[in-house]
N, C-alpha and C. Protein backbone atom coordinates (compact mmCIF):
# COMPACT_ATOMS: atom_id res chain seq x y z
N MET A 1 15.56 -10.05 13.51
CA MET A 1 14.38 -10.33 12.73
C MET A 1 14.50 -9.68 11.35
N PRO A 2 14.19 -10.42 10.32
CA PRO A 2 14.31 -9.85 8.96
C PRO A 2 13.24 -8.80 8.68
N GLN A 3 13.62 -7.86 7.84
CA GLN A 3 12.66 -6.84 7.40
C GLN A 3 11.67 -7.46 6.44
N ILE A 4 10.53 -6.82 6.30
CA ILE A 4 9.51 -7.24 5.33
C ILE A 4 9.46 -6.17 4.26
N ASP A 5 9.67 -6.57 3.01
CA ASP A 5 9.61 -5.67 1.86
C ASP A 5 8.53 -6.17 0.92
N LEU A 6 7.77 -5.23 0.37
CA LEU A 6 6.71 -5.62 -0.56
C LEU A 6 6.39 -4.49 -1.51
N ILE A 7 5.75 -4.88 -2.60
CA ILE A 7 5.22 -3.94 -3.57
C ILE A 7 3.73 -4.23 -3.68
N ALA A 8 2.92 -3.20 -3.52
CA ALA A 8 1.47 -3.31 -3.71
C ALA A 8 1.12 -2.61 -5.01
N THR A 9 0.39 -3.30 -5.88
CA THR A 9 -0.03 -2.73 -7.16
C THR A 9 -1.54 -2.63 -7.18
N ILE A 10 -2.03 -1.46 -7.56
CA ILE A 10 -3.47 -1.20 -7.60
C ILE A 10 -3.82 -0.79 -9.02
N GLU A 11 -4.47 -1.69 -9.75
CA GLU A 11 -4.91 -1.37 -11.11
C GLU A 11 -6.06 -0.37 -11.00
N ILE A 12 -6.00 0.69 -11.81
CA ILE A 12 -6.97 1.77 -11.68
C ILE A 12 -7.28 2.37 -13.06
N ARG A 13 -8.54 2.68 -13.25
CA ARG A 13 -8.92 3.40 -14.47
C ARG A 13 -8.47 4.85 -14.34
N GLU A 14 -8.12 5.45 -15.45
CA GLU A 14 -7.60 6.82 -15.44
C GLU A 14 -8.58 7.81 -14.81
N ASP A 15 -9.87 7.63 -15.05
CA ASP A 15 -10.86 8.58 -14.51
C ASP A 15 -11.01 8.47 -12.99
N LEU A 16 -10.58 7.36 -12.41
CA LEU A 16 -10.68 7.16 -10.96
C LEU A 16 -9.38 7.52 -10.24
N LEU A 17 -8.34 7.79 -11.01
CA LEU A 17 -7.01 8.03 -10.41
C LEU A 17 -6.99 9.20 -9.44
N PRO A 18 -7.55 10.37 -9.75
CA PRO A 18 -7.43 11.48 -8.80
C PRO A 18 -8.01 11.16 -7.41
N GLU A 19 -9.18 10.55 -7.37
CA GLU A 19 -9.79 10.21 -6.08
C GLU A 19 -9.00 9.12 -5.36
N ALA A 20 -8.61 8.08 -6.09
CA ALA A 20 -7.86 6.98 -5.47
C ALA A 20 -6.48 7.44 -5.02
N ALA A 21 -5.81 8.28 -5.80
CA ALA A 21 -4.49 8.77 -5.44
C ALA A 21 -4.55 9.63 -4.18
N ALA A 22 -5.57 10.48 -4.08
CA ALA A 22 -5.73 11.31 -2.88
C ALA A 22 -5.93 10.43 -1.65
N LEU A 23 -6.74 9.39 -1.79
CA LEU A 23 -6.98 8.46 -0.68
C LEU A 23 -5.68 7.76 -0.29
N LEU A 24 -4.92 7.28 -1.28
CA LEU A 24 -3.67 6.56 -1.01
C LEU A 24 -2.64 7.47 -0.34
N LEU A 25 -2.50 8.69 -0.83
CA LEU A 25 -1.51 9.60 -0.25
C LEU A 25 -1.86 9.97 1.19
N ASP A 26 -3.14 10.15 1.47
CA ASP A 26 -3.57 10.42 2.84
C ASP A 26 -3.29 9.22 3.74
N TYR A 27 -3.64 8.04 3.27
CA TYR A 27 -3.39 6.80 4.00
C TYR A 27 -1.90 6.62 4.28
N GLY A 28 -1.08 6.94 3.30
CA GLY A 28 0.37 6.78 3.45
C GLY A 28 0.95 7.60 4.59
N GLN A 29 0.38 8.76 4.85
CA GLN A 29 0.87 9.58 5.97
C GLN A 29 0.71 8.82 7.29
N GLY A 30 -0.42 8.16 7.46
CA GLY A 30 -0.64 7.37 8.67
C GLY A 30 0.26 6.16 8.75
N VAL A 31 0.44 5.48 7.62
CA VAL A 31 1.29 4.29 7.61
C VAL A 31 2.73 4.65 7.97
N ARG A 32 3.23 5.75 7.42
CA ARG A 32 4.60 6.15 7.72
C ARG A 32 4.80 6.48 9.20
N ALA A 33 3.72 6.79 9.91
CA ALA A 33 3.81 7.09 11.35
C ALA A 33 3.74 5.83 12.21
N GLU A 34 3.44 4.68 11.60
CA GLU A 34 3.37 3.43 12.37
C GLU A 34 4.77 3.06 12.86
N PRO A 35 4.89 2.56 14.10
CA PRO A 35 6.21 2.25 14.66
C PRO A 35 7.04 1.28 13.83
N GLY A 36 6.43 0.30 13.18
CA GLY A 36 7.19 -0.70 12.44
C GLY A 36 7.46 -0.35 10.99
N ASN A 37 6.91 0.76 10.50
CA ASN A 37 7.08 1.12 9.10
C ASN A 37 8.39 1.86 8.88
N LEU A 38 9.14 1.42 7.86
CA LEU A 38 10.39 2.07 7.48
C LEU A 38 10.29 2.79 6.14
N ARG A 39 9.29 2.40 5.32
CA ARG A 39 9.17 2.97 3.98
C ARG A 39 7.75 2.80 3.47
N PHE A 40 7.21 3.86 2.91
CA PHE A 40 5.92 3.82 2.22
C PHE A 40 6.01 4.88 1.13
N GLU A 41 6.22 4.45 -0.10
CA GLU A 41 6.38 5.36 -1.23
C GLU A 41 5.36 4.99 -2.30
N ALA A 42 4.59 5.98 -2.75
CA ALA A 42 3.55 5.76 -3.75
C ALA A 42 3.99 6.30 -5.11
N TYR A 43 3.71 5.52 -6.15
CA TYR A 43 4.08 5.86 -7.52
C TYR A 43 2.92 5.55 -8.46
N GLN A 44 3.06 6.02 -9.70
CA GLN A 44 2.18 5.58 -10.77
C GLN A 44 3.05 4.93 -11.83
N ASP A 45 2.67 3.73 -12.25
CA ASP A 45 3.38 3.03 -13.31
C ASP A 45 3.20 3.80 -14.62
N ARG A 46 4.29 4.18 -15.25
CA ARG A 46 4.23 4.98 -16.48
C ARG A 46 3.54 4.26 -17.62
N ASP A 47 3.65 2.94 -17.65
CA ASP A 47 3.09 2.18 -18.77
C ASP A 47 1.62 1.81 -18.55
N SER A 48 1.31 1.23 -17.40
CA SER A 48 -0.05 0.73 -17.16
C SER A 48 -0.96 1.75 -16.50
N GLY A 49 -0.39 2.76 -15.83
CA GLY A 49 -1.20 3.72 -15.09
C GLY A 49 -1.55 3.26 -13.69
N ALA A 50 -1.17 2.04 -13.33
CA ALA A 50 -1.48 1.49 -12.00
C ALA A 50 -0.77 2.30 -10.92
N MET A 51 -1.38 2.35 -9.74
CA MET A 51 -0.71 2.92 -8.58
C MET A 51 0.16 1.81 -7.98
N VAL A 52 1.37 2.17 -7.60
CA VAL A 52 2.32 1.19 -7.07
C VAL A 52 2.88 1.75 -5.76
N VAL A 53 2.87 0.91 -4.72
CA VAL A 53 3.38 1.32 -3.41
C VAL A 53 4.52 0.39 -3.03
N VAL A 54 5.65 0.98 -2.65
CA VAL A 54 6.80 0.22 -2.16
C VAL A 54 6.83 0.40 -0.65
N GLU A 55 6.79 -0.72 0.07
CA GLU A 55 6.71 -0.67 1.54
C GLU A 55 7.83 -1.49 2.16
N ARG A 56 8.25 -1.06 3.35
CA ARG A 56 9.23 -1.82 4.14
C ARG A 56 8.83 -1.70 5.60
N TYR A 57 8.89 -2.85 6.28
CA TYR A 57 8.59 -2.92 7.72
C TYR A 57 9.80 -3.50 8.43
N ALA A 58 10.05 -3.04 9.63
CA ALA A 58 11.23 -3.44 10.39
C ALA A 58 11.24 -4.93 10.71
N SER A 59 10.06 -5.54 10.79
CA SER A 59 9.97 -6.95 11.17
C SER A 59 8.61 -7.50 10.75
N ALA A 60 8.48 -8.81 10.85
CA ALA A 60 7.19 -9.44 10.59
C ALA A 60 6.14 -8.93 11.58
N GLU A 61 6.55 -8.69 12.81
CA GLU A 61 5.63 -8.17 13.82
C GLU A 61 5.15 -6.77 13.45
N GLY A 62 6.04 -5.95 12.92
CA GLY A 62 5.65 -4.61 12.47
C GLY A 62 4.65 -4.68 11.32
N PHE A 63 4.87 -5.62 10.40
CA PHE A 63 3.94 -5.79 9.28
C PHE A 63 2.59 -6.30 9.77
N GLU A 64 2.61 -7.25 10.69
CA GLU A 64 1.36 -7.77 11.25
C GLU A 64 0.59 -6.67 11.98
N ALA A 65 1.31 -5.81 12.70
CA ALA A 65 0.65 -4.68 13.38
C ALA A 65 0.02 -3.74 12.36
N HIS A 66 0.70 -3.53 11.25
CA HIS A 66 0.15 -2.71 10.17
C HIS A 66 -1.15 -3.31 9.65
N LEU A 67 -1.13 -4.61 9.39
CA LEU A 67 -2.33 -5.28 8.87
C LEU A 67 -3.49 -5.23 9.87
N ALA A 68 -3.17 -5.29 11.15
CA ALA A 68 -4.20 -5.29 12.20
C ALA A 68 -4.74 -3.89 12.51
N ASN A 69 -4.05 -2.85 12.04
CA ASN A 69 -4.47 -1.48 12.31
C ASN A 69 -5.83 -1.23 11.65
N PRO A 70 -6.82 -0.75 12.40
CA PRO A 70 -8.14 -0.48 11.81
C PRO A 70 -8.08 0.47 10.60
N ALA A 71 -7.09 1.34 10.55
CA ALA A 71 -6.96 2.25 9.41
C ALA A 71 -6.71 1.48 8.12
N ASN A 72 -6.07 0.33 8.21
CA ASN A 72 -5.82 -0.50 7.04
C ASN A 72 -7.13 -1.02 6.45
N ALA A 73 -8.00 -1.55 7.29
CA ALA A 73 -9.29 -2.04 6.83
C ALA A 73 -10.14 -0.90 6.27
N GLU A 74 -10.09 0.25 6.92
CA GLU A 74 -10.85 1.42 6.46
C GLU A 74 -10.37 1.86 5.08
N PHE A 75 -9.05 1.93 4.90
CA PHE A 75 -8.50 2.30 3.60
C PHE A 75 -8.95 1.30 2.52
N ASN A 76 -8.81 0.01 2.80
CA ASN A 76 -9.16 -1.01 1.81
C ASN A 76 -10.64 -0.96 1.44
N ALA A 77 -11.51 -0.67 2.42
CA ALA A 77 -12.95 -0.56 2.14
C ALA A 77 -13.23 0.65 1.25
N LYS A 78 -12.60 1.77 1.56
CA LYS A 78 -12.79 2.98 0.74
C LYS A 78 -12.23 2.78 -0.67
N LEU A 79 -11.07 2.12 -0.77
CA LEU A 79 -10.49 1.85 -2.08
C LEU A 79 -11.39 0.93 -2.89
N ALA A 80 -11.91 -0.11 -2.27
CA ALA A 80 -12.81 -1.03 -2.96
C ALA A 80 -14.06 -0.30 -3.45
N ALA A 81 -14.55 0.65 -2.68
CA ALA A 81 -15.73 1.42 -3.09
C ALA A 81 -15.40 2.26 -4.33
N ILE A 82 -14.22 2.85 -4.38
CA ILE A 82 -13.82 3.65 -5.54
C ILE A 82 -13.66 2.75 -6.76
N LEU A 83 -13.05 1.59 -6.55
CA LEU A 83 -12.75 0.68 -7.66
C LEU A 83 -13.93 -0.17 -8.08
N GLY A 84 -15.01 -0.16 -7.30
CA GLY A 84 -16.13 -1.04 -7.58
C GLY A 84 -15.80 -2.48 -7.23
N GLY A 85 -15.06 -2.66 -6.16
CA GLY A 85 -14.58 -3.98 -5.74
C GLY A 85 -13.08 -4.07 -6.03
N GLY A 86 -12.49 -5.13 -5.61
CA GLY A 86 -11.06 -5.30 -5.87
C GLY A 86 -10.21 -4.45 -4.95
N GLY A 87 -8.94 -4.50 -5.17
CA GLY A 87 -7.99 -3.77 -4.32
C GLY A 87 -6.60 -3.95 -4.85
N SER A 88 -5.67 -4.16 -3.95
CA SER A 88 -4.26 -4.26 -4.35
C SER A 88 -3.80 -5.70 -4.47
N THR A 89 -2.78 -5.88 -5.29
CA THR A 89 -2.09 -7.16 -5.40
C THR A 89 -0.74 -6.98 -4.73
N LEU A 90 -0.41 -7.87 -3.80
CA LEU A 90 0.86 -7.76 -3.07
C LEU A 90 1.91 -8.67 -3.68
N GLN A 91 3.11 -8.13 -3.80
CA GLN A 91 4.27 -8.89 -4.25
C GLN A 91 5.28 -8.83 -3.10
N MET A 92 5.44 -9.94 -2.39
CA MET A 92 6.35 -10.02 -1.27
C MET A 92 7.77 -10.25 -1.81
N LEU A 93 8.72 -9.49 -1.28
CA LEU A 93 10.09 -9.53 -1.80
C LEU A 93 11.05 -10.20 -0.82
N GLU A 94 12.05 -10.88 -1.35
CA GLU A 94 13.13 -11.48 -0.58
C GLU A 94 14.45 -10.94 -1.12
N PRO A 95 15.36 -10.54 -0.25
CA PRO A 95 16.65 -10.06 -0.76
C PRO A 95 17.44 -11.21 -1.36
N LEU A 96 18.21 -10.89 -2.38
CA LEU A 96 19.11 -11.89 -2.95
C LEU A 96 20.28 -12.08 -2.00
N ALA A 97 20.71 -13.31 -1.84
CA ALA A 97 21.81 -13.60 -0.92
C ALA A 97 23.13 -13.16 -1.50
């Protein structure tokens, strides 16, 4: 089964960054403990200030389990509350042959 790789980008105002970053880093600890997760790394884009997460899952089933985890919905609800709506934009990646 092929791995699932993605980049999640979260546009954020500078004044909201400390609260949102703390939430994301806490959430990441749980995601990294999920059986199907192989990578969860959080960054800040130097140019735009956006939070950027690079994720890898062992399989589509692992990614689906991540999405179905109640902690995922809880994180997204808390993030939306901080941002006043909205959330992340996902960029699904495919390896070059």
